[in-house]
All heavy atoms as atom14 arrays in JSON, in Angstrom:
{
  "sequence": "KILQLPEPYIEKPIVKTPQEDKYHFAEEIEEEETLSLQDKEI",
  "atom14_mask": [
    [1, 1, 1, 1, 1, 1, 1, 1, 1, 0, 0, 0, 0, 0],
    [1, 1, 1, 1, 1, 1, 1, 1, 0, 0, 0, 0, 0, 0],
    [1, 1, 1, 1, 1, 1, 1, 1, 0, 0, 0, 0, 0, 0],
    [1, 1, 1, 1, 1, 1, 1, 1, 1, 0, 0, 0, 0, 0],
    [1, 1, 1, 1, 1, 1, 1, 1, 0, 0, 0, 0, 0, 0],
    [1, 1, 1, 1, 1, 1, 1, 0, 0, 0, 0, 0, 0, 0],
    [1, 1, 1, 1, 1, 1, 1, 1, 1, 0, 0, 0, 0, 0],
    [1, 1, 1, 1, 1, 1, 1, 0, 0, 0, 0, 0, 0, 0],
    [1, 1, 1, 1, 1, 1, 1, 1, 1, 1, 1, 1, 0, 0],
    [1, 1, 1, 1, 1, 1, 1, 1, 0, 0, 0, 0, 0, 0],
    [1, 1, 1, 1, 1, 1, 1, 1, 1, 0, 0, 0, 0, 0],
    [1, 1, 1, 1, 1, 1, 1, 1, 1, 0, 0, 0, 0, 0],
    [1, 1, 1, 1, 1, 1, 1, 0, 0, 0, 0, 0, 0, 0],
    [1, 1, 1, 1, 1, 1, 1, 1, 0, 0, 0, 0, 0, 0],
    [1, 1, 1, 1, 1, 1, 1, 0, 0, 0, 0, 0, 0, 0],
    [1, 1, 1, 1, 1, 1, 1, 1, 1, 0, 0, 0, 0, 0],
    [1, 1, 1, 1, 1, 1, 1, 0, 0, 0, 0, 0, 0, 0],
    [1, 1, 1, 1, 1, 1, 1, 0, 0, 0, 0, 0, 0, 0],
    [1, 1, 1, 1, 1, 1, 1, 1, 1, 0, 0, 0, 0, 0],
    [1, 1, 1, 1, 1, 1, 1, 1, 1, 0, 0, 0, 0, 0],
    [1, 1, 1, 1, 1, 1, 1, 1, 0, 0, 0, 0, 0, 0],
    [1, 1, 1, 1, 1, 1, 1, 1, 1, 0, 0, 0, 0, 0],
    [1, 1, 1, 1, 1, 1, 1, 1, 1, 1, 1, 1, 0, 0],
    [1, 1, 1, 1, 1, 1, 1, 1, 1, 1, 0, 0, 0, 0],
    [1, 1, 1, 1, 1, 1, 1, 1, 1, 1, 1, 0, 0, 0],
    [1, 1, 1, 1, 1, 0, 0, 0, 0, 0, 0, 0, 0, 0],
    [1, 1, 1, 1, 1, 1, 1, 1, 1, 0, 0, 0, 0, 0],
    [1, 1, 1, 1, 1, 1, 1, 1, 1, 0, 0, 0, 0, 0],
    [1, 1, 1, 1, 1, 1, 1, 1, 0, 0, 0, 0, 0, 0],
    [1, 1, 1, 1, 1, 1, 1, 1, 1, 0, 0, 0, 0, 0],
    [1, 1, 1, 1, 1, 1, 1, 1, 1, 0, 0, 0, 0, 0],
    [1, 1, 1, 1, 1, 1, 1, 1, 1, 0, 0, 0, 0, 0],
    [1, 1, 1, 1, 1, 1, 1, 1, 1, 0, 0, 0, 0, 0],
    [1, 1, 1, 1, 1, 1, 1, 0, 0, 0, 0, 0, 0, 0],
    [1, 1, 1, 1, 1, 1, 1, 1, 0, 0, 0, 0, 0, 0],
    [1, 1, 1, 1, 1, 1, 0, 0, 0, 0, 0, 0, 0, 0],
    [1, 1, 1, 1, 1, 1, 1, 1, 0, 0, 0, 0, 0, 0],
    [1, 1, 1, 1, 1, 1, 1, 1, 1, 0, 0, 0, 0, 0],
    [1, 1, 1, 1, 1, 1, 1, 1, 0, 0, 0, 0, 0, 0],
    [1, 1, 1, 1, 1, 1, 1, 1, 1, 0, 0, 0, 0, 0],
    [1, 1, 1, 1, 1, 1, 1, 1, 1, 0, 0, 0, 0, 0],
    [1, 1, 1, 1, 1, 1, 1, 1, 0, 0, 0, 0, 0, 0]
  ],
  "atom14_positions": [
    [[162.3, -12.64, 68.77], [162.4, -13.9, 69.51], [161.8, -13.77, 70.9], [161.26, -14.71, 71.44], [163.86, -14.32, 69.61], [164.48, -14.75, 68.3], [165.9, -15.17, 68.52], [166.59, -15.52, 67.2], [167.98, -15.9, 67.39], [0.0, 0.0, 0.0], [0.0, 0.0, 0.0], [0.0, 0.0, 0.0], [0.0, 0.0, 0.0], [0.0, 0.0, 0.0]],
    [[161.91, -12.55, 71.45], [161.46, -12.38, 72.83], [160.08, -11.74, 72.89], [159.24, -12.14, 73.67], [162.48, -11.5, 73.58], [163.82, -12.21, 73.62], [162.01, -11.18, 74.99], [164.95, -11.38, 74.12], [0.0, 0.0, 0.0], [0.0, 0.0, 0.0], [0.0, 0.0, 0.0], [0.0, 0.0, 0.0], [0.0, 0.0, 0.0], [0.0, 0.0, 0.0]],
    [[159.85, -10.75, 72.04], [158.63, -9.95, 72.17], [157.49, -10.39, 71.26], [156.33, -10.23, 71.59], [158.96, -8.48, 71.89], [159.99, -7.85, 72.83], [160.31, -6.43, 72.38], [159.46, -7.84, 74.25], [0.0, 0.0, 0.0], [0.0, 0.0, 0.0], [0.0, 0.0, 0.0], [0.0, 0.0, 0.0], [0.0, 0.0, 0.0], [0.0, 0.0, 0.0]],
    [[157.82, -10.9, 70.05], [156.77, -11.2, 69.09], [156.03, -12.48, 69.45], [156.64, -13.49, 69.78], [157.37, -11.34, 67.68], [156.29, -11.32, 66.6], [156.91, -11.16, 65.23], [158.11, -11.04, 65.12], [156.08, -11.15, 64.22], [0.0, 0.0, 0.0], [0.0, 0.0, 0.0], [0.0, 0.0, 0.0], [0.0, 0.0, 0.0], [0.0, 0.0, 0.0]],
    [[154.71, -12.44, 69.43], [153.87, -13.58, 69.75], [153.3, -14.18, 68.46], [153.05, -13.45, 67.49], [152.72, -13.17, 70.66], [153.14, -12.62, 72.04], [151.93, -12.12, 72.78], [153.84, -13.7, 72.84], [0.0, 0.0, 0.0], [0.0, 0.0, 0.0], [0.0, 0.0, 0.0], [0.0, 0.0, 0.0], [0.0, 0.0, 0.0], [0.0, 0.0, 0.0]],
    [[153.05, -15.45, 68.42], [152.48, -16.06, 67.21], [151.05, -15.57, 66.99], [150.3, -15.39, 67.93], [152.51, -17.56, 67.52], [152.57, -17.64, 69.0], [153.31, -16.45, 69.46], [0.0, 0.0, 0.0], [0.0, 0.0, 0.0], [0.0, 0.0, 0.0], [0.0, 0.0, 0.0], [0.0, 0.0, 0.0], [0.0, 0.0, 0.0], [0.0, 0.0, 0.0]],
    [[150.72, -15.35, 65.71], [149.38, -14.86, 65.37], [148.48, -16.04, 64.99], [148.87, -16.9, 64.22], [149.45, -13.91, 64.18], [150.26, -12.64, 64.46], [150.3, -11.75, 63.24], [149.55, -12.03, 62.29], [151.08, -10.78, 63.24], [0.0, 0.0, 0.0], [0.0, 0.0, 0.0], [0.0, 0.0, 0.0], [0.0, 0.0, 0.0], [0.0, 0.0, 0.0]],
    [[147.27, -16.08, 65.53], [146.33, -17.14, 65.13], [145.82, -16.89, 63.7], [145.68, -15.74, 63.28], [145.2, -17.0, 66.16], [145.27, -15.58, 66.61], [146.69, -15.19, 66.54], [0.0, 0.0, 0.0], [0.0, 0.0, 0.0], [0.0, 0.0, 0.0], [0.0, 0.0, 0.0], [0.0, 0.0, 0.0], [0.0, 0.0, 0.0], [0.0, 0.0, 0.0]],
    [[145.57, -17.97, 62.98], [145.09, -17.83, 61.61], [143.58, -17.53, 61.61], [142.81, -18.25, 62.24], [145.35, -19.11, 60.81], [144.73, -19.08, 59.42], [145.34, -18.32, 58.42], [143.55, -19.77, 59.15], [144.77, -18.27, 57.16], [142.98, -19.71, 57.9], [143.59, -18.97, 56.9], [143.03, -18.92, 55.67], [0.0, 0.0, 0.0], [0.0, 0.0, 0.0]],
    [[143.22, -16.42, 60.99], [141.81, -16.03, 60.87], [141.53, -15.73, 59.4], [142.22, -14.92, 58.78], [141.49, -14.81, 61.74], [141.74, -15.14, 63.22], [140.06, -14.35, 61.53], [141.6, -13.97, 64.14], [0.0, 0.0, 0.0], [0.0, 0.0, 0.0], [0.0, 0.0, 0.0], [0.0, 0.0, 0.0], [0.0, 0.0, 0.0], [0.0, 0.0, 0.0]],
    [[140.51, -16.36, 58.86], [140.17, -16.17, 57.44], [139.53, -14.82, 57.24], [138.59, -14.45, 57.94], [139.19, -17.27, 57.0], [138.98, -17.28, 55.49], [138.08, -18.41, 55.07], [137.76, -19.26, 55.94], [137.69, -18.44, 53.92], [0.0, 0.0, 0.0], [0.0, 0.0, 0.0], [0.0, 0.0, 0.0], [0.0, 0.0, 0.0], [0.0, 0.0, 0.0]],
    [[140.05, -14.05, 56.28], [139.53, -12.71, 56.02], [138.46, -12.77, 54.93], [138.57, -13.53, 53.99], [140.67, -11.79, 55.56], [141.74, -11.57, 56.63], [142.78, -10.61, 56.14], [143.86, -10.41, 57.2], [144.9, -9.48, 56.75], [0.0, 0.0, 0.0], [0.0, 0.0, 0.0], [0.0, 0.0, 0.0], [0.0, 0.0, 0.0], [0.0, 0.0, 0.0]],
    [[137.42, -11.93, 55.08], [136.35, -11.92, 54.05], [136.85, -11.31, 52.74], [137.81, -10.54, 52.73], [135.28, -11.05, 54.69], [136.01, -10.18, 55.65], [137.15, -10.99, 56.16], [0.0, 0.0, 0.0], [0.0, 0.0, 0.0], [0.0, 0.0, 0.0], [0.0, 0.0, 0.0], [0.0, 0.0, 0.0], [0.0, 0.0, 0.0], [0.0, 0.0, 0.0]],
    [[136.17, -11.67, 51.68], [136.54, -11.16, 50.34], [136.02, -9.74, 50.22], [134.87, -9.46, 50.53], [135.94, -12.03, 49.22], [136.48, -13.46, 49.38], [136.25, -11.47, 47.85], [135.79, -14.44, 48.47], [0.0, 0.0, 0.0], [0.0, 0.0, 0.0], [0.0, 0.0, 0.0], [0.0, 0.0, 0.0], [0.0, 0.0, 0.0], [0.0, 0.0, 0.0]],
    [[136.88, -8.84, 49.74], [136.49, -7.43, 49.58], [136.39, -7.13, 48.09], [137.07, -7.73, 47.27], [137.53, -6.5, 50.25], [137.47, -6.66, 51.75], [138.93, -6.77, 49.74], [0.0, 0.0, 0.0], [0.0, 0.0, 0.0], [0.0, 0.0, 0.0], [0.0, 0.0, 0.0], [0.0, 0.0, 0.0], [0.0, 0.0, 0.0], [0.0, 0.0, 0.0]],
    [[135.53, -6.17, 47.73], [135.26, -5.88, 46.31], [135.98, -4.64, 45.85], [136.56, -4.64, 44.79], [133.75, -5.71, 46.11], [132.99, -7.01, 46.35], [131.51, -6.82, 46.13], [130.73, -8.11, 46.35], [129.29, -7.95, 46.14], [0.0, 0.0, 0.0], [0.0, 0.0, 0.0], [0.0, 0.0, 0.0], [0.0, 0.0, 0.0], [0.0, 0.0, 0.0]],
    [[135.89, -3.55, 46.59], [136.51, -2.29, 46.15], [137.61, -1.91, 47.14], [137.57, -2.3, 48.3], [135.46, -1.16, 46.1], [134.98, -0.98, 47.42], [134.33, -1.54, 45.18], [0.0, 0.0, 0.0], [0.0, 0.0, 0.0], [0.0, 0.0, 0.0], [0.0, 0.0, 0.0], [0.0, 0.0, 0.0], [0.0, 0.0, 0.0], [0.0, 0.0, 0.0]],
    [[138.58, -1.09, 46.66], [139.65, -0.64, 47.57], [139.1, 0.12, 48.76], [139.59, -0.01, 49.86], [140.51, 0.26, 46.69], [140.23, -0.19, 45.3], [138.83, -0.66, 45.26], [0.0, 0.0, 0.0], [0.0, 0.0, 0.0], [0.0, 0.0, 0.0], [0.0, 0.0, 0.0], [0.0, 0.0, 0.0], [0.0, 0.0, 0.0], [0.0, 0.0, 0.0]],
    [[138.02, 0.95, 48.49], [137.47, 1.73, 49.58], [136.85, 0.82, 50.63], [137.06, 0.97, 51.82], [136.41, 2.69, 49.02], [136.08, 3.82, 50.0], [135.22, 4.87, 49.35], [134.52, 4.6, 48.38], [135.26, 6.07, 49.86], [0.0, 0.0, 0.0], [0.0, 0.0, 0.0], [0.0, 0.0, 0.0], [0.0, 0.0, 0.0], [0.0, 0.0, 0.0]],
    [[136.03, -0.17, 50.16], [135.43, -1.12, 51.09], [136.51, -1.93, 51.78], [136.41, -2.23, 52.95], [134.48, -2.05, 50.33], [133.19, -1.36, 49.92], [132.31, -2.3, 49.1], [132.75, -3.43, 48.83], [131.22, -1.9, 48.75], [0.0, 0.0, 0.0], [0.0, 0.0, 0.0], [0.0, 0.0, 0.0], [0.0, 0.0, 0.0], [0.0, 0.0, 0.0]],
    [[137.54, -2.28, 51.02], [138.65, -3.06, 51.59], [139.29, -2.32, 52.77], [139.63, -2.91, 53.78], [139.69, -3.31, 50.51], [140.82, -4.16, 51.05], [140.52, -5.22, 51.63], [141.97, -3.74, 50.92], [0.0, 0.0, 0.0], [0.0, 0.0, 0.0], [0.0, 0.0, 0.0], [0.0, 0.0, 0.0], [0.0, 0.0, 0.0], [0.0, 0.0, 0.0]],
    [[139.37, -1.0, 52.68], [139.95, -0.19, 53.73], [139.15, -0.31, 55.01], [139.68, -0.57, 56.09], [140.05, 1.27, 53.26], [140.64, 2.21, 54.31], [140.66, 3.62, 53.79], [141.2, 4.56, 54.87], [141.2, 5.96, 54.44], [0.0, 0.0, 0.0], [0.0, 0.0, 0.0], [0.0, 0.0, 0.0], [0.0, 0.0, 0.0], [0.0, 0.0, 0.0]],
    [[137.82, -0.17, 54.91], [136.98, -0.21, 56.11], [136.87, -1.62, 56.66], [136.88, -1.83, 57.87], [135.59, 0.34, 55.79], [135.59, 1.83, 55.57], [135.35, 2.34, 54.3], [135.89, 2.7, 56.61], [135.36, 3.71, 54.09], [135.9, 4.06, 56.4], [135.63, 4.57, 55.14], [135.66, 5.9, 54.95], [0.0, 0.0, 0.0], [0.0, 0.0, 0.0]],
    [[136.78, -2.61, 55.73], [136.71, -3.99, 56.19], [138.01, -4.41, 56.89], [137.97, -5.17, 57.84], [136.42, -4.93, 55.0], [134.97, -4.94, 54.64], [134.02, -5.56, 55.4], [134.32, -4.4, 53.57], [132.83, -5.4, 54.83], [133.0, -4.7, 53.72], [0.0, 0.0, 0.0], [0.0, 0.0, 0.0], [0.0, 0.0, 0.0], [0.0, 0.0, 0.0]],
    [[139.09, -3.88, 56.4], [140.4, -4.2, 57.02], [140.44, -3.73, 58.48], [140.88, -4.44, 59.36], [141.53, -3.54, 56.2], [142.88, -3.72, 56.8], [143.54, -4.94, 56.65], [143.48, -2.7, 57.53], [144.79, -5.12, 57.22], [144.71, -2.89, 58.09], [145.37, -4.1, 57.92], [0.0, 0.0, 0.0], [0.0, 0.0, 0.0], [0.0, 0.0, 0.0]],
    [[139.92, -2.51, 58.71], [139.89, -1.97, 60.08], [139.01, -2.83, 60.97], [139.36, -3.12, 62.11], [139.36, -0.54, 60.06], [0.0, 0.0, 0.0], [0.0, 0.0, 0.0], [0.0, 0.0, 0.0], [0.0, 0.0, 0.0], [0.0, 0.0, 0.0], [0.0, 0.0, 0.0], [0.0, 0.0, 0.0], [0.0, 0.0, 0.0], [0.0, 0.0, 0.0]],
    [[137.85, -3.27, 60.46], [136.96, -4.12, 61.26], [137.63, -5.46, 61.58], [137.53, -5.95, 62.69], [135.67, -4.36, 60.49], [134.78, -3.12, 60.42], [133.53, -3.35, 59.59], [133.34, -4.5, 59.15], [132.79, -2.4, 59.39], [0.0, 0.0, 0.0], [0.0, 0.0, 0.0], [0.0, 0.0, 0.0], [0.0, 0.0, 0.0], [0.0, 0.0, 0.0]],
    [[138.33, -6.01, 60.59], [138.93, -7.32, 60.79], [140.05, -7.26, 61.85], [140.24, -8.19, 62.6], [139.5, -7.85, 59.47], [138.43, -8.39, 58.54], [137.62, -9.47, 59.21], [138.21, -10.35, 59.85], [136.38, -9.42, 59.14], [0.0, 0.0, 0.0], [0.0, 0.0, 0.0], [0.0, 0.0, 0.0], [0.0, 0.0, 0.0], [0.0, 0.0, 0.0]],
    [[140.79, -6.14, 61.91], [141.85, -5.99, 62.91], [141.24, -6.02, 64.31], [141.74, -6.66, 65.22], [142.62, -4.67, 62.69], [143.46, -4.73, 61.44], [143.52, -4.36, 63.9], [144.54, -5.77, 61.5], [0.0, 0.0, 0.0], [0.0, 0.0, 0.0], [0.0, 0.0, 0.0], [0.0, 0.0, 0.0], [0.0, 0.0, 0.0], [0.0, 0.0, 0.0]],
    [[140.1, -5.35, 64.47], [139.42, -5.32, 65.77], [139.0, -6.72, 66.17], [139.18, -7.17, 67.29], [138.19, -4.4, 65.66], [137.54, -4.07, 66.98], [138.37, -3.1, 67.79], [139.11, -2.31, 67.19], [138.28, -3.17, 69.03], [0.0, 0.0, 0.0], [0.0, 0.0, 0.0], [0.0, 0.0, 0.0], [0.0, 0.0, 0.0], [0.0, 0.0, 0.0]],
    [[138.4, -7.46, 65.21], [137.93, -8.82, 65.48], [139.11, -9.74, 65.76], [139.06, -10.57, 66.66], [137.14, -9.32, 64.27], [136.52, -10.7, 64.5], [135.76, -11.18, 63.27], [135.61, -10.39, 62.33], [135.35, -12.33, 63.27], [0.0, 0.0, 0.0], [0.0, 0.0, 0.0], [0.0, 0.0, 0.0], [0.0, 0.0, 0.0], [0.0, 0.0, 0.0]],
    [[140.21, -9.53, 65.02], [141.38, -10.38, 65.2], [141.99, -10.21, 66.59], [142.37, -11.16, 67.24], [142.41, -10.04, 64.13], [143.65, -10.91, 64.18], [144.59, -10.57, 63.07], [144.1, -10.2, 61.99], [145.8, -10.66, 63.27], [0.0, 0.0, 0.0], [0.0, 0.0, 0.0], [0.0, 0.0, 0.0], [0.0, 0.0, 0.0], [0.0, 0.0, 0.0]],
    [[141.99, -8.93, 67.07], [142.52, -8.66, 68.41], [141.7, -9.37, 69.46], [142.22, -10.0, 70.37], [142.52, -7.15, 68.67], [143.58, -6.4, 67.88], [143.41, -4.91, 68.01], [142.57, -4.5, 68.83], [144.11, -4.17, 67.33], [0.0, 0.0, 0.0], [0.0, 0.0, 0.0], [0.0, 0.0, 0.0], [0.0, 0.0, 0.0], [0.0, 0.0, 0.0]],
    [[140.36, -9.27, 69.33], [139.48, -9.88, 70.33], [139.66, -11.4, 70.36], [139.8, -12.01, 71.41], [138.01, -9.55, 70.0], [137.89, -8.13, 69.9], [137.09, -10.05, 71.1], [0.0, 0.0, 0.0], [0.0, 0.0, 0.0], [0.0, 0.0, 0.0], [0.0, 0.0, 0.0], [0.0, 0.0, 0.0], [0.0, 0.0, 0.0], [0.0, 0.0, 0.0]],
    [[139.67, -12.0, 69.16], [139.83, -13.45, 69.08], [141.19, -13.89, 69.6], [141.31, -14.9, 70.3], [139.64, -13.91, 67.63], [138.19, -13.86, 67.1], [138.19, -14.14, 65.62], [137.31, -14.85, 67.84], [0.0, 0.0, 0.0], [0.0, 0.0, 0.0], [0.0, 0.0, 0.0], [0.0, 0.0, 0.0], [0.0, 0.0, 0.0], [0.0, 0.0, 0.0]],
    [[142.23, -13.09, 69.25], [143.57, -13.44, 69.67], [143.69, -13.43, 71.2], [144.22, -14.34, 71.79], [144.57, -12.48, 69.05], [145.86, -12.78, 69.5], [0.0, 0.0, 0.0], [0.0, 0.0, 0.0], [0.0, 0.0, 0.0], [0.0, 0.0, 0.0], [0.0, 0.0, 0.0], [0.0, 0.0, 0.0], [0.0, 0.0, 0.0], [0.0, 0.0, 0.0]],
    [[143.16, -12.4, 71.82], [143.2, -12.29, 73.28], [142.44, -13.43, 73.92], [142.88, -14.04, 74.89], [142.61, -10.95, 73.73], [143.51, -9.73, 73.58], [142.73, -8.46, 73.88], [144.7, -9.83, 74.52], [0.0, 0.0, 0.0], [0.0, 0.0, 0.0], [0.0, 0.0, 0.0], [0.0, 0.0, 0.0], [0.0, 0.0, 0.0], [0.0, 0.0, 0.0]],
    [[141.27, -13.75, 73.36], [140.44, -14.82, 73.93], [141.14, -16.17, 73.81], [141.18, -16.95, 74.76], [139.08, -14.85, 73.2], [138.11, -15.89, 73.77], [136.75, -15.79, 73.11], [136.2, -14.73, 73.03], [136.25, -16.9, 72.61], [0.0, 0.0, 0.0], [0.0, 0.0, 0.0], [0.0, 0.0, 0.0], [0.0, 0.0, 0.0], [0.0, 0.0, 0.0]],
    [[141.71, -16.42, 72.61], [142.42, -17.68, 72.41], [143.61, -17.81, 73.35], [143.88, -18.88, 73.9], [142.91, -17.78, 70.94], [141.73, -17.99, 69.99], [140.63, -18.31, 70.48], [141.93, -17.82, 68.78], [0.0, 0.0, 0.0], [0.0, 0.0, 0.0], [0.0, 0.0, 0.0], [0.0, 0.0, 0.0], [0.0, 0.0, 0.0], [0.0, 0.0, 0.0]],
    [[144.32, -16.7, 73.5], [145.48, -16.72, 74.38], [145.06, -17.01, 75.82], [145.72, -17.75, 76.55], [146.23, -15.38, 74.32], [147.06, -15.2, 73.07], [148.18, -16.21, 73.09], [148.86, -16.24, 71.74], [149.82, -17.34, 71.66], [0.0, 0.0, 0.0], [0.0, 0.0, 0.0], [0.0, 0.0, 0.0], [0.0, 0.0, 0.0], [0.0, 0.0, 0.0]],
    [[143.98, -16.38, 76.23], [143.49, -16.59, 77.59], [143.09, -18.04, 77.82], [143.42, -18.65, 78.84], [142.3, -15.67, 77.87], [141.9, -15.66, 79.34], [140.86, -14.59, 79.61], [139.98, -14.38, 78.75], [140.9, -14.0, 80.69], [0.0, 0.0, 0.0], [0.0, 0.0, 0.0], [0.0, 0.0, 0.0], [0.0, 0.0, 0.0], [0.0, 0.0, 0.0]],
    [[142.38, -18.64, 76.82], [141.98, -20.05, 76.93], [143.2, -20.95, 77.0], [143.28, -21.87, 77.81], [141.08, -20.43, 75.71], [139.74, -19.69, 75.82], [140.85, -21.95, 75.67], [138.89, -19.8, 74.57], [0.0, 0.0, 0.0], [0.0, 0.0, 0.0], [0.0, 0.0, 0.0], [0.0, 0.0, 0.0], [0.0, 0.0, 0.0], [0.0, 0.0, 0.0]]
  ]
}
């Protein structure tokens, strides 16, 4: 209630293999952080 912030909805790309899904997941977290910070700042 005090610490958790609402997360903006970001559409994730479709992944084909578990291995690719692993690397794409890491990239998407980075992008999500950047967008989240920017949105919050705006």
